[in-house]
Amino acid sequence: MTTTLTIEADRELALAVARAMNRVRDPEAGRLAREEMDRMRQETRQRVGTVEVAVELVRDCREQ
């Protein structure tokens, strides 16, 4: 099952890269990607809370 998912993911990635290189927009693919990212963001927020990584990185850069 993992091999099948990997092959399928590789195909999807190759198609997305080809579209991006040719500047072809797929509104449906964009909508689905945004929904997936929103879902993953919400799941992460529920699991670990709000993560303020950028703030710490900026502070570290200023100190150097």
PDB file of N, CA and C in Angstrom:
ATOM      1  N   MET A   1       0.823  -1.197   0.000  1.00  0.00           N
ATOM      2  CA  MET A   1       0.000   0.000   0.000  1.00  0.00           C
ATOM      3  C   MET A   1       0.867   1.260   0.000  1.00  0.00           C
ATOM      4  N   THR A   2       1.923   1.276   0.782  1.00  0.00           N
ATOM      5  CA  THR A   2       2.800   2.443   0.836  1.00  0.00           C
ATOM      6  C   THR A   2       3.428   2.715  -0.519  1.00  0.00           C
ATOM      7  N   THR A   3       3.873   1.650  -1.206  1.00  0.00           N
ATOM      8  CA  THR A   3       4.486   1.818  -2.519  1.00  0.00           C
ATOM      9  C   THR A   3       3.499   2.434  -3.495  1.00  0.00           C
ATOM     10  N   THR A   4       2.257   1.971  -3.477  1.00  0.00           N
ATOM     11  CA  THR A   4       1.232   2.522  -4.354  1.00  0.00           C
ATOM     12  C   THR A   4       1.011   3.994  -4.057  1.00  0.00           C
ATOM     13  N   LEU A   5       0.926   4.352  -2.782  1.00  0.00           N
ATOM     14  CA  LEU A   5       0.733   5.754  -2.413  1.00  0.00           C
ATOM     15  C   LEU A   5       1.919   6.601  -2.848  1.00  0.00           C
ATOM     16  N   THR A   6       3.121   6.067  -2.721  1.00  0.00           N
ATOM     17  CA  THR A   6       4.308   6.811  -3.111  1.00  0.00           C
ATOM     18  C   THR A   6       4.328   7.050  -4.613  1.00  0.00           C
ATOM     19  N   ILE A   7       4.020   6.047  -5.389  1.00  0.00           N
ATOM     20  CA  ILE A   7       3.988   6.175  -6.845  1.00  0.00           C
ATOM     21  C   ILE A   7       2.922   7.190  -7.246  1.00  0.00           C
ATOM     22  N   GLU A   8       1.770   7.111  -6.617  1.00  0.00           N
ATOM     23  CA  GLU A   8       0.689   8.042  -6.917  1.00  0.00           C
ATOM     24  C   GLU A   8       1.082   9.470  -6.526  1.00  0.00           C
ATOM     25  N   ALA A   9       1.704   9.625  -5.384  1.00  0.00           N
ATOM     26  CA  ALA A   9       2.145  10.954  -4.937  1.00  0.00           C
ATOM     27  C   ALA A   9       3.205  11.507  -5.882  1.00  0.00           C
ATOM     28  N   ASP A  10       4.122  10.652  -6.322  1.00  0.00           N
ATOM     29  CA  ASP A  10       5.148  11.081  -7.281  1.00  0.00           C
ATOM     30  C   ASP A  10       4.519  11.570  -8.579  1.00  0.00           C
ATOM     31  N   ARG A  11       3.504  10.875  -9.048  1.00  0.00           N
ATOM     32  CA  ARG A  11       2.821  11.281 -10.276  1.00  0.00           C
ATOM     33  C   ARG A  11       2.127  12.633 -10.088  1.00  0.00           C
ATOM     34  N   GLU A  12       1.447  12.789  -8.951  1.00  0.00           N
ATOM     35  CA  GLU A  12       0.762  14.055  -8.677  1.00  0.00           C
ATOM     36  C   GLU A  12       1.758  15.200  -8.589  1.00  0.00           C
ATOM     37  N   LEU A  13       2.897  14.952  -7.940  1.00  0.00           N
ATOM     38  CA  LEU A  13       3.922  15.983  -7.810  1.00  0.00           C
ATOM     39  C   LEU A  13       4.492  16.355  -9.179  1.00  0.00           C
ATOM     40  N   ALA A  14       4.775  15.361  -9.994  1.00  0.00           N
ATOM     41  CA  ALA A  14       5.313  15.625 -11.329  1.00  0.00           C
ATOM     42  C   ALA A  14       4.325  16.442 -12.161  1.00  0.00           C
ATOM     43  N   LEU A  15       3.050  16.124 -12.060  1.00  0.00           N
ATOM     44  CA  LEU A  15       2.024  16.865 -12.792  1.00  0.00           C
ATOM     45  C   LEU A  15       1.945  18.307 -12.285  1.00  0.00           C
ATOM     46  N   ALA A  16       1.992  18.486 -10.975  1.00  0.00           N
ATOM     47  CA  ALA A  16       1.937  19.835 -10.403  1.00  0.00           C
ATOM     48  C   ALA A  16       3.155  20.653 -10.819  1.00  0.00           C
ATOM     49  N   VAL A  17       4.326  20.029 -10.832  1.00  0.00           N
ATOM     50  CA  VAL A  17       5.547  20.730 -11.249  1.00  0.00           C
ATOM     51  C   VAL A  17       5.461  21.119 -12.718  1.00  0.00           C
ATOM     52  N   ALA A  18       4.986  20.215 -13.549  1.00  0.00           N
ATOM     53  CA  ALA A  18       4.849  20.507 -14.983  1.00  0.00           C
ATOM     54  C   ALA A  18       3.880  21.668 -15.200  1.00  0.00           C
ATOM     55  N   ARG A  19       2.764  21.666 -14.480  1.00  0.00           N
ATOM     56  CA  ARG A  19       1.805  22.767 -14.611  1.00  0.00           C
ATOM     57  C   ARG A  19       2.432  24.085 -14.165  1.00  0.00           C
ATOM     58  N   ALA A  20       3.138  24.059 -13.056  1.00  0.00           N
ATOM     59  CA  ALA A  20       3.766  25.280 -12.539  1.00  0.00           C
ATOM     60  C   ALA A  20       4.811  25.810 -13.521  1.00  0.00           C
ATOM     61  N   MET A  21       5.603  24.921 -14.088  1.00  0.00           N
ATOM     62  CA  MET A  21       6.640  25.345 -15.024  1.00  0.00           C
ATOM     63  C   MET A  21       6.039  25.957 -16.289  1.00  0.00           C
ATOM     64  N   ASN A  22       4.859  25.484 -16.668  1.00  0.00           N
ATOM     65  CA  ASN A  22       4.188  26.006 -17.857  1.00  0.00           C
ATOM     66  C   ASN A  22       3.177  27.100 -17.516  1.00  0.00           C
ATOM     67  N   ARG A  23       3.172  27.509 -16.258  1.00  0.00           N
ATOM     68  CA  ARG A  23       2.279  28.574 -15.773  1.00  0.00           C
ATOM     69  C   ARG A  23       0.817  28.285 -16.067  1.00  0.00           C
ATOM     70  N   VAL A  24       0.434  27.022 -15.877  1.00  0.00           N
ATOM     71  CA  VAL A  24      -0.951  26.608 -16.064  1.00  0.00           C
ATOM     72  C   VAL A  24      -1.596  26.512 -14.680  1.00  0.00           C
ATOM     73  N   ARG A  25      -2.656  27.284 -14.473  1.00  0.00           N
ATOM     74  CA  ARG A  25      -3.354  27.255 -13.193  1.00  0.00           C
ATOM     75  C   ARG A  25      -4.545  26.316 -13.274  1.00  0.00           C
ATOM     76  N   ASP A  26      -4.701  25.547 -12.216  1.00  0.00           N
ATOM     77  CA  ASP A  26      -5.846  24.647 -12.099  1.00  0.00           C
ATOM     78  C   ASP A  26      -6.636  25.098 -10.872  1.00  0.00           C
ATOM     79  N   PRO A  27      -7.713  25.856 -11.074  1.00  0.00           N
ATOM     80  CA  PRO A  27      -8.464  26.387  -9.942  1.00  0.00           C
ATOM     81  C   PRO A  27      -8.965  25.306  -8.986  1.00  0.00           C
ATOM     82  N   GLU A  28      -9.384  24.181  -9.514  1.00  0.00           N
ATOM     83  CA  GLU A  28      -9.878  23.094  -8.660  1.00  0.00           C
ATOM     84  C   GLU A  28      -8.753  22.514  -7.812  1.00  0.00           C
ATOM     85  N   ALA A  29      -7.584  22.302  -8.408  1.00  0.00           N
ATOM     86  CA  ALA A  29      -6.442  21.787  -7.650  1.00  0.00           C
ATOM     87  C   ALA A  29      -6.036  22.785  -6.572  1.00  0.00           C
ATOM     88  N   GLY A  30      -6.087  24.072  -6.890  1.00  0.00           N
ATOM     89  CA  GLY A  30      -5.772  25.097  -5.906  1.00  0.00           C
ATOM     90  C   GLY A  30      -6.744  25.081  -4.747  1.00  0.00           C
ATOM     91  N   ARG A  31      -8.012  24.936  -5.049  1.00  0.00           N
ATOM     92  CA  ARG A  31      -9.040  24.888  -4.009  1.00  0.00           C
ATOM     93  C   ARG A  31      -8.835  23.678  -3.103  1.00  0.00           C
ATOM     94  N   LEU A  32      -8.581  22.533  -3.716  1.00  0.00           N
ATOM     95  CA  LEU A  32      -8.359  21.316  -2.933  1.00  0.00           C
ATOM     96  C   LEU A  32      -7.108  21.433  -2.062  1.00  0.00           C
ATOM     97  N   ALA A  33      -6.054  22.028  -2.605  1.00  0.00           N
ATOM     98  CA  ALA A  33      -4.820  22.201  -1.836  1.00  0.00           C
ATOM     99  C   ALA A  33      -5.057  23.124  -0.652  1.00  0.00           C
ATOM    100  N   ARG A  34      -5.790  24.216  -0.851  1.00  0.00           N
ATOM    101  CA  ARG A  34      -6.079  25.136   0.252  1.00  0.00           C
ATOM    102  C   ARG A  34      -6.897  24.458   1.337  1.00  0.00           C
ATOM    103  N   GLU A  35      -7.883  23.658   0.923  1.00  0.00           N
ATOM    104  CA  GLU A  35      -8.698  22.936   1.902  1.00  0.00           C
ATOM    105  C   GLU A  35      -7.841  21.961   2.711  1.00  0.00           C
ATOM    106  N   GLU A  36      -6.953  21.249   2.031  1.00  0.00           N
ATOM    107  CA  GLU A  36      -6.072  20.288   2.708  1.00  0.00           C
ATOM    108  C   GLU A  36      -5.131  21.005   3.681  1.00  0.00           C
ATOM    109  N   MET A  37      -4.553  22.125   3.254  1.00  0.00           N
ATOM    110  CA  MET A  37      -3.655  22.880   4.137  1.00  0.00           C
ATOM    111  C   MET A  37      -4.404  23.426   5.344  1.00  0.00           C
ATOM    112  N   ASP A  38      -5.625  23.908   5.129  1.00  0.00           N
ATOM    113  CA  ASP A  38      -6.429  24.401   6.249  1.00  0.00           C
ATOM    114  C   ASP A  38      -6.735  23.282   7.236  1.00  0.00           C
ATOM    115  N   ARG A  39      -7.073  22.109   6.710  1.00  0.00           N
ATOM    116  CA  ARG A  39      -7.370  20.957   7.570  1.00  0.00           C
ATOM    117  C   ARG A  39      -6.146  20.563   8.380  1.00  0.00           C
ATOM    118  N   MET A  40      -4.988  20.479   7.721  1.00  0.00           N
ATOM    119  CA  MET A  40      -3.760  20.093   8.420  1.00  0.00           C
ATOM    120  C   MET A  40      -3.378  21.139   9.463  1.00  0.00           C
ATOM    121  N   ARG A  41      -3.536  22.416   9.129  1.00  0.00           N
ATOM    122  CA  ARG A  41      -3.221  23.493  10.069  1.00  0.00           C
ATOM    123  C   ARG A  41      -4.106  23.386  11.310  1.00  0.00           C
ATOM    124  N   GLN A  42      -5.385  23.122  11.107  1.00  0.00           N
ATOM    125  CA  GLN A  42      -6.323  22.994  12.225  1.00  0.00           C
ATOM    126  C   GLN A  42      -5.978  21.785  13.089  1.00  0.00           C
ATOM    127  N   GLU A  43      -5.631  20.667  12.470  1.00  0.00           N
ATOM    128  CA  GLU A  43      -5.243  19.475  13.221  1.00  0.00           C
ATOM    129  C   GLU A  43      -3.998  19.745  14.059  1.00  0.00           C
ATOM    130  N   THR A  44      -3.026  20.429  13.476  1.00  0.00           N
ATOM    131  CA  THR A  44      -1.800  20.762  14.211  1.00  0.00           C
ATOM    132  C   THR A  44      -2.115  21.692  15.370  1.00  0.00           C
ATOM    133  N   ARG A  45      -2.952  22.673  15.130  1.00  0.00           N
ATOM    134  CA  ARG A  45      -3.332  23.616  16.188  1.00  0.00           C
ATOM    135  C   ARG A  45      -4.018  22.891  17.338  1.00  0.00           C
ATOM    136  N   GLN A  46      -4.849  21.910  17.036  1.00  0.00           N
ATOM    137  CA  GLN A  46      -5.540  21.148  18.075  1.00  0.00           C
ATOM    138  C   GLN A  46      -4.564  20.270  18.853  1.00  0.00           C
ATOM    139  N   ARG A  47      -3.561  19.715  18.149  1.00  0.00           N
ATOM    140  CA  ARG A  47      -2.591  18.825  18.793  1.00  0.00           C
ATOM    141  C   ARG A  47      -1.577  19.569  19.648  1.00  0.00           C
ATOM    142  N   VAL A  48      -1.007  20.654  19.116  1.00  0.00           N
ATOM    143  CA  VAL A  48       0.113  21.302  19.802  1.00  0.00           C
ATOM    144  C   VAL A  48      -0.138  22.761  20.158  1.00  0.00           C
ATOM    145  N   GLY A  49      -1.258  23.309  19.738  1.00  0.00           N
ATOM    146  CA  GLY A  49      -1.539  24.715  20.008  1.00  0.00           C
ATOM    147  C   GLY A  49      -0.873  25.601  18.971  1.00  0.00           C
ATOM    148  N   THR A  50      -0.892  26.890  19.237  1.00  0.00           N
ATOM    149  CA  THR A  50      -0.295  27.847  18.313  1.00  0.00           C
ATOM    150  C   THR A  50       1.217  27.811  18.451  1.00  0.00           C
ATOM    151  N   VAL A  51       1.899  27.741  17.339  1.00  0.00           N
ATOM    152  CA  VAL A  51       3.357  27.681  17.336  1.00  0.00           C
ATOM    153  C   VAL A  51       3.880  28.999  16.775  1.00  0.00           C
ATOM    154  N   GLU A  52       4.693  29.690  17.564  1.00  0.00           N
ATOM    155  CA  GLU A  52       5.242  30.986  17.161  1.00  0.00           C
ATOM    156  C   GLU A  52       6.725  30.832  16.805  1.00  0.00           C
ATOM    157  N   VAL A  53       7.019  30.090  15.771  1.00  0.00           N
ATOM    158  CA  VAL A  53       8.393  29.827  15.366  1.00  0.00           C
ATOM    159  C   VAL A  53       9.036  31.077  14.777  1.00  0.00           C
ATOM    160  N   ALA A  54       8.320  31.799  13.945  1.00  0.00           N
ATOM    161  CA  ALA A  54       8.889  32.960  13.253  1.00  0.00           C
ATOM    162  C   ALA A  54       9.380  34.011  14.236  1.00  0.00           C
ATOM    163  N   VAL A  55       8.643  34.241  15.295  1.00  0.00           N
ATOM    164  CA  VAL A  55       9.034  35.251  16.282  1.00  0.00           C
ATOM    165  C   VAL A  55      10.391  34.908  16.882  1.00  0.00           C
ATOM    166  N   GLU A  56      10.576  33.670  17.266  1.00  0.00           N
ATOM    167  CA  GLU A  56      11.854  33.252  17.852  1.00  0.00           C
ATOM    168  C   GLU A  56      12.992  33.358  16.833  1.00  0.00           C
ATOM    169  N   LEU A  57      12.733  32.999  15.581  1.00  0.00           N
ATOM    170  CA  LEU A  57      13.766  33.090  14.556  1.00  0.00           C
ATOM    171  C   LEU A  57      14.204  34.538  14.335  1.00  0.00           C
ATOM    172  N   VAL A  58      13.262  35.460  14.296  1.00  0.00           N
ATOM    173  CA  VAL A  58      13.597  36.869  14.109  1.00  0.00           C
ATOM    174  C   VAL A  58      14.398  37.362  15.303  1.00  0.00           C
ATOM    175  N   ARG A  59      13.994  37.006  16.491  1.00  0.00           N
ATOM    176  CA  ARG A  59      14.735  37.424  17.685  1.00  0.00           C
ATOM    177  C   ARG A  59      16.151  36.884  17.664  1.00  0.00           C
ATOM    178  N   ASP A  60      16.307  35.627  17.280  1.00  0.00           N
ATOM    179  CA  ASP A  60      17.648  35.039  17.217  1.00  0.00           C
ATOM    180  C   ASP A  60      18.523  35.757  16.190  1.00  0.00           C
ATOM    181  N   CYS A  61      17.959  36.119  15.056  1.00  0.00           N
ATOM    182  CA  CYS A  61      18.707  36.815  14.014  1.00  0.00           C
ATOM    183  C   CYS A  61      19.149  38.207  14.481  1.00  0.00           C
ATOM    184  N   ARG A  62      18.307  38.876  15.221  1.00  0.00           N
ATOM    185  CA  ARG A  62      18.630  40.214  15.710  1.00  0.00           C
ATOM    186  C   ARG A  62      19.758  40.170  16.728  1.00  0.00           C
ATOM    187  N   GLU A  63      19.840  39.108  17.486  1.00  0.00           N
ATOM    188  CA  GLU A  63      20.869  38.983  18.513  1.00  0.00           C
ATOM    189  C   GLU A  63      22.248  38.695  17.946  1.00  0.00           C
ATOM    190  N   GLN A  64      22.328  38.200  16.730  1.00  0.00           N
ATOM    191  CA  GLN A  64      23.623  37.824  16.150  1.00  0.00           C
ATOM    192  C   GLN A  64      24.354  38.974  15.567  1.00  0.00           C
TER     193      GLN A  64
END
